[in-house]
Amino acid sequence: MWPVMDGIKVVSFDVEGTLVTPDFSYAIWFEAIPRHFADRKGTGFEEARRAVEEEYQKVGDQRLEWYDIQYWFDKLDLGIPDPVMEGYQSRVCYYPEVGEVLSSLSGIYKLTVASGSAREFLRYLLRDIEPYFARVFSSVSDYRRLKTPEFYRKMCAVLGVEPAQVVHVGDNWQFDCVAPGEIGIHAFYLDRKRQGDHQNSLASLTQLKAHLSG
């Protein structure tokens, strides 16, 4: 059963897996970084990738360092990440419905980004669509935390709205549905592959648009 949503002022979006495909980030983490590490160490690419992935796993995705590309470039002694990331800009790809959905909602609601990606990534991921958004929030870069209920509470305070006036959608059940839902945000789980049977799940952002419309 869908929640009753009256008085919505803000529609908030996760980025990776929601607006943007994982292609760019995958290329950075699993192609660019291992390639530069291989060049530095004088080893083959596959050997370098295994070594880099082992370092990733030692940290794990529940720690902030996992999302901090400057941390990894420093740790692996790779220099400055920006020139490397710029070279992969062509890998940024938006899901097919994104442009139309953002365009149609932007005249009705204040659109925001609530992402767990660092701003170093968001600079590239949002390059073609950032004008749609009134604010861009990075939990990692702005608040040094994952997307916890407290992060969403801070976001609402900055926007000057109550949680019940916000809709958020994203593809991570814990970070995009459970966490914002705990403070009263209307949260939707974007399950593009339809792998689960979660309540308030959507197969595309077009369904979110349809639901907001009525």
Foldseek 3Di string as FASTA:
>chain_A
DADDAPQAAEEEEEFDPAFWDCQLVCCVQQPLVLVLLCVVVVHDSVVSNVVSVVVLVVQDPQALCNQDVVSVCVVSVRPDCLVSSVVSLVRIDTDPCNVVLLVVCLVPHAYEYEYCHDVSVVVSNCVPPVVSHPYYDHCCHPPVHALALVSVVVVCVVVVHQLSNYEYEDADCVRQPVRSVVRPHNGAHADCVPPDDDPRYDNHVVVVSVVVVD
